[in-house]
Amino acid sequence: MAFNNPRITLFTVITTYNVTIKMGFSIFKIICHGTKGVITDTSYY
């Protein structure tokens, strides 16, 4: 149903994209710096 409304669809895509980017950065930081580095970097958000 939601896909019938372009505005709702666009909003959903953008929101999903932003969440994916944040998750990607978190995973990237975990891989590069370890869990301690991720906890330290939370101040930047």
PDB file of N, CA and C in Angstrom:
ATOM      1  N   MET A   1       0.836  -1.206   0.000  1.00  0.00           N
ATOM      2  CA  MET A   1       0.000   0.000   0.000  1.00  0.00           C
ATOM      3  C   MET A   1       0.872   1.257   0.000  1.00  0.00           C
ATOM      4  N   ALA A   2       1.895   1.245   0.825  1.00  0.00           N
ATOM      5  CA  ALA A   2       2.738   2.428   0.962  1.00  0.00           C
ATOM      6  C   ALA A   2       3.454   2.765  -0.347  1.00  0.00           C
ATOM      7  N   PHE A   3       3.686   1.748  -1.162  1.00  0.00           N
ATOM      8  CA  PHE A   3       4.415   1.983  -2.401  1.00  0.00           C
ATOM      9  C   PHE A   3       3.584   2.754  -3.418  1.00  0.00           C
ATOM     10  N   ASN A   4       2.291   2.895  -3.174  1.00  0.00           N
ATOM     11  CA  ASN A   4       1.451   3.693  -4.063  1.00  0.00           C
ATOM     12  C   ASN A   4       1.696   5.182  -3.873  1.00  0.00           C
ATOM     13  N   ASN A   5       2.297   5.571  -2.761  1.00  0.00           N
ATOM     14  CA  ASN A   5       2.563   6.977  -2.481  1.00  0.00           C
ATOM     15  C   ASN A   5       4.060   7.234  -2.660  1.00  0.00           C
ATOM     16  N   PRO A   6       4.462   7.958  -3.713  1.00  0.00           N
ATOM     17  CA  PRO A   6       5.891   8.179  -3.982  1.00  0.00           C
ATOM     18  C   PRO A   6       6.602   8.871  -2.831  1.00  0.00           C
ATOM     19  N   ARG A   7       5.919   9.784  -2.145  1.00  0.00           N
ATOM     20  CA  ARG A   7       6.567  10.533  -1.075  1.00  0.00           C
ATOM     21  C   ARG A   7       6.913   9.610   0.093  1.00  0.00           C
ATOM     22  N   ILE A   8       5.979   8.730   0.462  1.00  0.00           N
ATOM     23  CA  ILE A   8       6.241   7.790   1.550  1.00  0.00           C
ATOM     24  C   ILE A   8       7.356   6.828   1.158  1.00  0.00           C
ATOM     25  N   THR A   9       7.320   6.384  -0.089  1.00  0.00           N
ATOM     26  CA  THR A   9       8.349   5.457  -0.557  1.00  0.00           C
ATOM     27  C   THR A   9       9.719   6.108  -0.502  1.00  0.00           C
ATOM     28  N   LEU A  10       9.814   7.351  -0.966  1.00  0.00           N
ATOM     29  CA  LEU A  10      11.088   8.058  -0.964  1.00  0.00           C
ATOM     30  C   LEU A  10      11.591   8.239   0.459  1.00  0.00           C
ATOM     31  N   PHE A  11      10.698   8.621   1.375  1.00  0.00           N
ATOM     32  CA  PHE A  11      11.074   8.797   2.773  1.00  0.00           C
ATOM     33  C   PHE A  11      11.597   7.488   3.356  1.00  0.00           C
ATOM     34  N   THR A  12      10.921   6.394   3.034  1.00  0.00           N
ATOM     35  CA  THR A  12      11.344   5.083   3.542  1.00  0.00           C
ATOM     36  C   THR A  12      12.717   4.711   3.010  1.00  0.00           C
ATOM     37  N   VAL A  13      12.941   4.970   1.726  1.00  0.00           N
ATOM     38  CA  VAL A  13      14.234   4.644   1.122  1.00  0.00           C
ATOM     39  C   VAL A  13      15.342   5.464   1.767  1.00  0.00           C
ATOM     40  N   ILE A  14      15.111   6.770   1.950  1.00  0.00           N
ATOM     41  CA  ILE A  14      16.127   7.632   2.549  1.00  0.00           C
ATOM     42  C   ILE A  14      16.420   7.198   3.982  1.00  0.00           C
ATOM     43  N   THR A  15      15.365   6.912   4.751  1.00  0.00           N
ATOM     44  CA  THR A  15      15.555   6.491   6.137  1.00  0.00           C
ATOM     45  C   THR A  15      16.337   5.188   6.199  1.00  0.00           C
ATOM     46  N   THR A  16      15.959   4.235   5.361  1.00  0.00           N
ATOM     47  CA  THR A  16      16.666   2.955   5.331  1.00  0.00           C
ATOM     48  C   THR A  16      18.117   3.156   4.931  1.00  0.00           C
ATOM     49  N   TYR A  17      18.359   4.041   3.960  1.00  0.00           N
ATOM     50  CA  TYR A  17      19.716   4.323   3.502  1.00  0.00           C
ATOM     51  C   TYR A  17      20.555   4.913   4.631  1.00  0.00           C
ATOM     52  N   ASN A  18      19.989   5.891   5.365  1.00  0.00           N
ATOM     53  CA  ASN A  18      20.721   6.519   6.461  1.00  0.00           C
ATOM     54  C   ASN A  18      21.047   5.520   7.558  1.00  0.00           C
ATOM     55  N   VAL A  19      20.082   4.672   7.904  1.00  0.00           N
ATOM     56  CA  VAL A  19      20.320   3.658   8.935  1.00  0.00           C
ATOM     57  C   VAL A  19      21.406   2.685   8.486  1.00  0.00           C
ATOM     58  N   THR A  20      21.364   2.315   7.214  1.00  0.00           N
ATOM     59  CA  THR A  20      22.372   1.393   6.688  1.00  0.00           C
ATOM     60  C   THR A  20      23.758   2.010   6.755  1.00  0.00           C
ATOM     61  N   ILE A  21      23.873   3.305   6.423  1.00  0.00           N
ATOM     62  CA  ILE A  21      25.157   3.993   6.490  1.00  0.00           C
ATOM     63  C   ILE A  21      25.687   3.996   7.920  1.00  0.00           C
ATOM     64  N   LYS A  22      24.817   4.338   8.895  1.00  0.00           N
ATOM     65  CA  LYS A  22      25.259   4.368  10.291  1.00  0.00           C
ATOM     66  C   LYS A  22      25.698   2.988  10.758  1.00  0.00           C
ATOM     67  N   MET A  23      24.937   1.955  10.377  1.00  0.00           N
ATOM     68  CA  MET A  23      25.311   0.593  10.748  1.00  0.00           C
ATOM     69  C   MET A  23      26.632   0.209  10.097  1.00  0.00           C
ATOM     70  N   GLY A  24      26.819   0.624   8.854  1.00  0.00           N
ATOM     71  CA  GLY A  24      28.060   0.327   8.150  1.00  0.00           C
ATOM     72  C   GLY A  24      29.255   0.960   8.836  1.00  0.00           C
ATOM     73  N   PHE A  25      29.123   2.222   9.268  1.00  0.00           N
ATOM     74  CA  PHE A  25      30.204   2.883   9.983  1.00  0.00           C
ATOM     75  C   PHE A  25      30.497   2.189  11.297  1.00  0.00           C
ATOM     76  N   SER A  26      29.450   1.756  12.014  1.00  0.00           N
ATOM     77  CA  SER A  26      29.641   1.074  13.294  1.00  0.00           C
ATOM     78  C   SER A  26      30.405  -0.227  13.103  1.00  0.00           C
ATOM     79  N   ILE A  27      30.005  -0.998  12.092  1.00  0.00           N
ATOM     80  CA  ILE A  27      30.692  -2.258  11.811  1.00  0.00           C
ATOM     81  C   ILE A  27      32.130  -1.988  11.391  1.00  0.00           C
ATOM     82  N   PHE A  28      32.327  -0.956  10.582  1.00  0.00           N
ATOM     83  CA  PHE A  28      33.668  -0.597  10.129  1.00  0.00           C
ATOM     84  C   PHE A  28      34.562  -0.234  11.307  1.00  0.00           C
ATOM     85  N   LYS A  29      34.019   0.553  12.257  1.00  0.00           N
ATOM     86  CA  LYS A  29      34.800   0.937  13.430  1.00  0.00           C
ATOM     87  C   LYS A  29      35.115  -0.268  14.302  1.00  0.00           C
ATOM     88  N   ILE A  30      34.148  -1.183  14.437  1.00  0.00           N
ATOM     89  CA  ILE A  30      34.390  -2.387  15.238  1.00  0.00           C
ATOM     90  C   ILE A  30      35.527  -3.201  14.627  1.00  0.00           C
ATOM     91  N   ILE A  31      35.522  -3.319  13.309  1.00  0.00           N
ATOM     92  CA  ILE A  31      36.560  -4.108  12.642  1.00  0.00           C
ATOM     93  C   ILE A  31      37.917  -3.422  12.786  1.00  0.00           C
ATOM     94  N   CYS A  32      37.951  -2.100  12.616  1.00  0.00           N
ATOM     95  CA  CYS A  32      39.225  -1.386  12.588  1.00  0.00           C
ATOM     96  C   CYS A  32      39.782  -1.122  13.980  1.00  0.00           C
ATOM     97  N   HIS A  33      38.921  -0.696  14.914  1.00  0.00           N
ATOM     98  CA  HIS A  33      39.404  -0.218  16.204  1.00  0.00           C
ATOM     99  C   HIS A  33      39.036  -1.134  17.353  1.00  0.00           C
ATOM    100  N   GLY A  34      38.135  -2.080  17.116  1.00  0.00           N
ATOM    101  CA  GLY A  34      37.667  -2.908  18.213  1.00  0.00           C
ATOM    102  C   GLY A  34      36.531  -2.232  18.953  1.00  0.00           C
ATOM    103  N   THR A  35      35.940  -2.949  19.883  1.00  0.00           N
ATOM    104  CA  THR A  35      34.765  -2.447  20.588  1.00  0.00           C
ATOM    105  C   THR A  35      35.099  -1.196  21.387  1.00  0.00           C
ATOM    106  N   LYS A  36      36.264  -1.136  21.996  1.00  0.00           N
ATOM    107  CA  LYS A  36      36.638   0.015  22.821  1.00  0.00           C
ATOM    108  C   LYS A  36      36.674   1.287  21.983  1.00  0.00           C
ATOM    109  N   GLY A  37      37.180   1.199  20.764  1.00  0.00           N
ATOM    110  CA  GLY A  37      37.225   2.354  19.881  1.00  0.00           C
ATOM    111  C   GLY A  37      35.833   2.840  19.511  1.00  0.00           C
ATOM    112  N   VAL A  38      34.898   1.918  19.315  1.00  0.00           N
ATOM    113  CA  VAL A  38      33.532   2.299  18.974  1.00  0.00           C
ATOM    114  C   VAL A  38      32.888   3.034  20.136  1.00  0.00           C
ATOM    115  N   ILE A  39      33.091   2.530  21.355  1.00  0.00           N
ATOM    116  CA  ILE A  39      32.510   3.185  22.530  1.00  0.00           C
ATOM    117  C   ILE A  39      33.087   4.593  22.673  1.00  0.00           C
ATOM    118  N   THR A  40      34.369   4.753  22.393  1.00  0.00           N
ATOM    119  CA  THR A  40      35.006   6.067  22.499  1.00  0.00           C
ATOM    120  C   THR A  40      34.466   7.019  21.436  1.00  0.00           C
ATOM    121  N   ASP A  41      34.185   6.505  20.239  1.00  0.00           N
ATOM    122  CA  ASP A  41      33.771   7.348  19.122  1.00  0.00           C
ATOM    123  C   ASP A  41      32.304   7.761  19.185  1.00  0.00           C
ATOM    124  N   THR A  42      31.549   7.247  20.172  1.00  0.00           N
ATOM    125  CA  THR A  42      30.136   7.594  20.230  1.00  0.00           C
ATOM    126  C   THR A  42      29.942   9.075  20.521  1.00  0.00           C
ATOM    127  N   SER A  43      30.955   9.750  21.056  1.00  0.00           N
ATOM    128  CA  SER A  43      30.828  11.171  21.368  1.00  0.00           C
ATOM    129  C   SER A  43      30.677  12.000  20.099  1.00  0.00           C
ATOM    130  N   TYR A  44      31.099  11.487  18.955  1.00  0.00           N
ATOM    131  CA  TYR A  44      31.012  12.240  17.707  1.00  0.00           C
ATOM    132  C   TYR A  44      29.603  12.269  17.144  1.00  0.00           C
ATOM    133  N   TYR A  45      28.736  11.351  17.593  1.00  0.00           N
ATOM    134  CA  TYR A  45      27.369  11.332  17.062  1.00  0.00           C
ATOM    135  C   TYR A  45      26.518  12.339  17.807  1.00  0.00           C
TER     136      TYR A  45
END
